Protein backbone atom coordinates (compact mmCIF):
# COMPACT_ATOMS: atom_id res chain seq x y z
CA MET A 1 0.02 0.02 0.00
CA GLY A 2 1.36 3.43 -1.01
CA VAL A 3 1.96 6.48 1.14
CA ASN A 4 -0.28 9.51 0.42
CA LEU A 5 2.12 12.44 0.79
CA ASN A 6 -0.72 14.91 0.92
CA ASP A 7 -2.33 13.11 3.92
CA LYS A 8 1.04 12.87 5.63
CA LEU A 9 1.63 16.63 5.24
CA LEU A 10 -1.80 17.37 6.72
CA GLN A 11 -1.09 15.05 9.70
CA TYR A 12 2.18 16.82 10.51
CA ARG A 13 0.70 20.26 10.11
CA ARG A 14 -2.30 19.50 12.34
CA LYS A 15 0.13 18.63 15.16
CA HIS A 16 1.03 22.29 15.62
CA ILE A 17 -1.64 24.29 13.94
CA THR A 18 -5.34 23.97 13.13
CA ASP A 19 -6.97 24.43 9.70
CA SER A 20 -8.64 27.61 10.81
CA ASP A 21 -5.37 29.05 12.04
CA VAL A 22 -3.76 28.29 8.71
CA LEU A 23 -6.53 30.18 6.88
CA GLY A 24 -6.18 33.13 9.32
CA GLN A 25 -2.39 33.29 8.79
CA VAL A 26 -2.64 33.07 5.08
CA TYR A 27 -5.38 35.71 4.99
CA LYS A 28 -3.26 38.01 7.18
CA ILE A 29 -0.24 37.57 4.89
CA LEU A 30 -2.29 38.29 1.81
CA GLU A 31 -3.90 41.30 3.47
CA ASN A 32 -0.56 42.70 4.43
CA ASP A 33 0.79 42.11 0.98
CA ASP A 34 -2.25 43.78 -0.62
CA ASN A 35 -1.80 46.78 1.78
CA GLN A 36 1.88 47.02 0.87
CA GLU A 37 1.14 47.01 -2.86
CA ALA A 38 -1.51 49.64 -2.41
CA THR A 39 0.96 51.91 -0.60
CA ILE A 40 3.63 51.34 -3.27
CA GLU A 41 1.18 52.18 -6.06
CA LEU A 42 0.08 55.28 -4.20
CA ASN A 43 3.73 56.38 -3.69
CA LEU A 44 4.41 55.76 -7.43
CA SER A 45 1.39 57.77 -8.58
CA LYS A 46 1.99 60.82 -6.29
CA SER A 47 4.80 63.39 -6.41
CA HIS A 48 6.93 63.46 -3.33
CA ASN A 49 9.56 65.97 -2.21
CA THR A 50 11.35 63.12 -0.54
CA LYS A 51 15.10 63.49 -0.94
CA GLU A 52 16.21 60.42 1.06
CA ASN A 53 15.06 57.02 2.16
CA LYS A 54 16.20 54.96 5.13
CA PHE A 55 18.40 52.11 3.81
CA ASN A 56 20.63 49.61 5.46
CA PHE A 57 23.83 50.57 3.71
CA ASP A 58 25.45 47.16 4.32
CA LEU A 59 22.74 45.64 2.19
CA LEU A 60 22.88 47.97 -0.82
CA GLU A 61 24.50 46.78 -4.12
CA THR A 62 27.14 49.32 -5.05
CA GLU A 63 26.62 48.82 -8.76
CA LYS A 64 23.10 50.19 -8.39
CA ILE A 65 24.11 53.47 -6.66
CA PHE A 66 24.40 56.52 -8.96
CA HIS A 67 24.93 60.23 -8.34
CA LEU A 68 22.61 62.75 -9.85
CA GLU A 69 25.49 64.13 -12.03
CA ASP A 70 25.91 60.58 -13.59
CA ILE A 71 22.24 60.37 -14.31
CA LYS A 72 22.26 63.88 -15.76
CA SER A 73 25.12 63.06 -18.08
CA ILE A 74 23.35 60.03 -19.52
CA CYS A 75 20.10 61.97 -19.90
CA ILE A 76 21.90 64.74 -21.85
CA THR A 77 23.82 62.24 -23.98
CA TYR A 78 20.75 60.19 -25.03
CA ARG A 79 18.08 62.98 -24.74
CA LEU A 80 16.16 61.37 -21.89
CA ARG A 81 14.14 62.77 -19.03
CA PHE A 82 14.54 62.08 -15.31
CA LEU A 83 11.23 62.78 -13.68
CA ASP A 84 8.82 61.83 -10.94
CA SER A 85 7.17 58.40 -11.43
CA SER A 86 3.83 60.16 -11.14
CA LEU A 87 4.39 61.63 -14.60
CA PHE A 88 5.16 58.25 -16.18
CA LYS A 89 2.21 57.29 -18.49
CA ALA A 90 3.35 53.80 -19.50
CA GLU A 91 2.53 50.76 -17.32
CA ILE A 92 5.02 49.99 -14.58
CA PRO A 93 5.71 46.23 -14.80
CA ARG A 94 4.80 43.75 -12.08
CA GLU A 95 8.49 42.82 -11.77
CA ALA A 96 9.27 46.41 -10.71
CA ILE A 97 6.56 46.37 -7.96
CA ASN A 98 7.92 43.03 -6.65
CA LYS A 99 11.41 44.54 -6.45
CA ILE A 100 10.17 47.51 -4.54
CA LYS A 101 8.40 45.13 -2.12
CA GLN A 102 11.55 43.11 -1.68
CA LEU A 103 13.66 46.23 -1.07
CA GLU A 104 11.18 47.50 1.49
CA LYS A 105 11.19 44.16 3.24
CA THR A 106 15.00 43.86 3.19
CA HIS A 107 15.52 47.43 4.56
CA SER A 108 12.45 47.58 6.74
CA THR A 109 11.25 50.84 5.19
CA SER A 110 8.59 52.35 2.94
CA LEU A 111 10.15 53.80 -0.18
CA LYS A 112 9.13 57.19 -1.58
CA GLY A 113 10.34 59.77 -4.10
CA PHE A 114 10.51 57.43 -7.11
CA LYS A 115 12.17 58.79 -10.26
CA ILE A 116 12.22 57.30 -13.80
CA MET A 117 14.72 57.81 -16.55
CA ALA A 118 13.10 57.40 -20.01
CA PRO A 119 12.45 59.19 -23.32
CA SER A 120 10.01 62.13 -23.22
CA LYS A 121 7.25 60.22 -25.05
CA LEU A 122 6.80 58.01 -22.00
CA PHE A 123 5.97 60.91 -19.68
CA LYS A 124 2.72 62.93 -19.19
CA LEU A 125 4.42 66.31 -19.60
CA LYS A 126 2.76 69.50 -18.60
CA ASN A 127 1.26 71.81 -21.24
CA TYR A 128 1.67 69.99 -20.82
CA ASP A 129 12.55 52.30 -25.14
CA ASP A 130 13.95 52.08 -21.91
CA PRO A 131 12.81 53.17 -18.47
CA LEU A 132 15.00 52.93 -15.36
CA MET A 133 13.41 53.38 -11.89
CA PHE A 134 15.40 55.10 -9.19
CA VAL A 135 14.69 56.07 -5.54
CA PRO A 136 16.71 58.69 -3.63
CA ILE A 137 19.16 57.60 -0.95
CA ARG A 138 20.45 61.00 0.14
CA ASN A 139 22.85 63.82 -0.98
CA ASP A 140 21.88 63.50 -4.60
CA TYR A 141 22.60 59.81 -4.70
CA TYR A 142 20.02 57.47 -6.21
CA TYR A 143 19.47 53.71 -6.07
CA LEU A 144 18.44 51.85 -9.18
CA VAL A 145 15.30 49.80 -8.36
CA HIS A 146 14.53 48.27 -11.73
CA LYS A 147 15.06 48.49 -15.49
CA TRP A 148 12.66 47.18 -17.99
CA GLY A 149 11.97 47.24 -21.74
CA ASN A 150 14.49 46.92 -24.56
CA ASP A 151 17.95 48.47 -24.64
CA LEU A 152 18.35 51.89 -26.28
CA SER A 153 19.43 51.84 -29.97
CA ILE A 154 23.21 52.06 -30.31
CA PHE A 155 22.62 54.92 -32.77
CA ARG A 156 20.57 57.05 -30.31
CA LYS A 157 23.71 58.62 -28.77
CA TRP A 158 24.92 59.85 -32.19
CA MET A 159 21.43 60.85 -33.34
CA MET A 160 20.97 62.99 -30.22
CA MET A 161 24.49 64.34 -30.13
CA PRO A 162 23.67 67.58 -32.08
CA PHE A 163 21.01 68.45 -29.51
CA LYS A 164 23.31 68.29 -26.45
CA ASN A 165 24.06 72.03 -26.46
CA PHE A 166 24.62 74.95 -28.80
CA GLU A 167 28.21 74.02 -29.54
CA THR A 168 27.40 70.49 -30.63
CA LEU A 169 24.52 71.80 -32.83
CA LEU A 170 26.81 74.25 -34.54
CA VAL A 171 29.46 71.65 -35.20
CA ALA A 172 26.80 69.27 -36.64
CA ALA A 173 25.43 72.04 -38.89
CA LEU A 174 28.96 72.80 -40.15
CA LEU A 175 29.70 69.18 -40.84
CA PHE A 176 26.37 68.53 -42.53
CA SER A 177 26.71 71.63 -44.70
CA PHE A 178 30.28 70.58 -45.77
CA LEU A 179 29.09 67.05 -46.67
CA VAL A 180 26.16 68.29 -48.67
CA SER A 181 28.37 70.75 -50.50
CA LEU A 182 30.76 67.95 -51.42
CA VAL A 183 28.05 65.78 -53.03
CA ILE A 184 26.74 68.58 -55.25
CA PRO A 185 28.25 67.86 -58.73
CA ASN A 186 29.17 71.51 -59.53
CA SER A 187 31.16 71.84 -56.34
CA GLN A 188 33.07 68.67 -57.07
CA ALA A 189 33.85 69.78 -60.63
CA ASN A 190 35.14 73.20 -59.63
CA TYR A 191 36.72 72.34 -56.32
CA LYS A 192 40.31 72.23 -57.51
CA GLU A 193 39.96 74.91 -60.22
CA SER A 194 38.09 77.42 -58.13
CA PRO A 195 38.14 76.72 -54.36
CA ILE A 196 36.33 79.96 -53.68
CA ASN A 197 33.27 78.62 -55.48
CA PHE A 198 33.15 75.70 -53.10
CA PHE A 199 33.59 78.00 -50.14
CA ILE A 200 30.68 80.23 -51.28
CA LEU A 201 28.50 77.15 -51.83
CA PHE A 202 29.48 75.89 -48.35
CA LEU A 203 28.47 79.18 -46.77
CA PHE A 204 25.14 79.15 -48.67
CA MET A 205 24.48 75.58 -47.46
CA PHE A 206 25.41 76.47 -43.95
CA LYS A 207 23.10 79.45 -43.92
CA SER A 208 20.27 77.34 -45.23
CA VAL A 209 20.80 74.60 -42.61
CA ILE A 210 20.91 77.09 -39.78
CA GLY A 211 17.71 78.75 -41.09
CA ILE A 212 15.96 75.33 -41.14
CA ILE A 213 17.21 74.53 -37.59
CA ILE A 214 16.05 77.80 -36.23
CA TYR A 215 12.60 77.49 -37.92
CA TYR A 216 12.17 73.98 -36.61
CA ALA A 217 13.30 74.88 -33.12
CA PHE A 218 10.82 77.78 -32.89
CA ALA A 219 7.98 75.97 -34.56
CA ALA A 220 8.32 72.77 -32.46
CA GLY A 221 9.42 74.48 -29.27
CA LYS A 222 12.59 72.35 -28.96
CA ASN A 223 15.40 72.86 -26.56
CA PHE A 224 18.81 71.39 -25.88
CA ASN A 225 19.31 68.21 -23.98
CA ASN A 226 21.03 69.88 -21.05
CA ALA A 227 17.92 72.17 -20.59
CA ILE A 228 15.22 69.51 -20.60
CA TRP A 229 16.66 66.40 -18.85
CA ASP A 230 14.74 67.14 -15.61
CA SER A 231 12.00 69.37 -17.00
CA ARG A 232 8.26 68.52 -16.60
CA TYR A 233 7.33 70.62 -19.57
CA VAL A 234 7.10 69.85 -23.28
CA ASN A 235 8.58 73.09 -24.49
CA ALA A 236 11.35 73.18 -21.95
């Protein structure tokens, strides 16, 4: 005759706890878990002026600790925003919630002041690829809670390079004007015989490129990466 492991488990369990006590404990655990999740979702959906959270520093992973200046540099390089999680309009994955719960349990705290690094299109900006969620430690240091989505395109850095600041935009405009001038047949034909013609054509192309950039910047309300990385506004 075989042994029914399910029955054996029940026999052992009933030696130290009743069925009703088991249900009570499970209900309490689930209730506490639901309450914790509700608090986390509330903290994610509201803006907080929290600048620090109480962590057990011995339990922090050093590779997940970043200073605000490091975050700012990445945002400027890849034209990203670093804003409150309350402005994030995409869905926050379940895995991120679970990691927050685990962090709160490990450090015996309730985390607030969540920030997310992501492209502008993922935020509900006022007037209005790849999110990373942070929470403040203190003194402008942030702890990386979770990263989700796909990696940024390897070309994004170079595509966004001209928009870092005025100097990079000017260099990009000069380079683009020079390349366009080179591919125009007349400029190639007369380059050696009459360099001045090429120079005049280059100046004309540069003037045209600058005019297009200025028109686009005013029409679309665009600004440089170093001016918008932590701005809540579209036309920052």
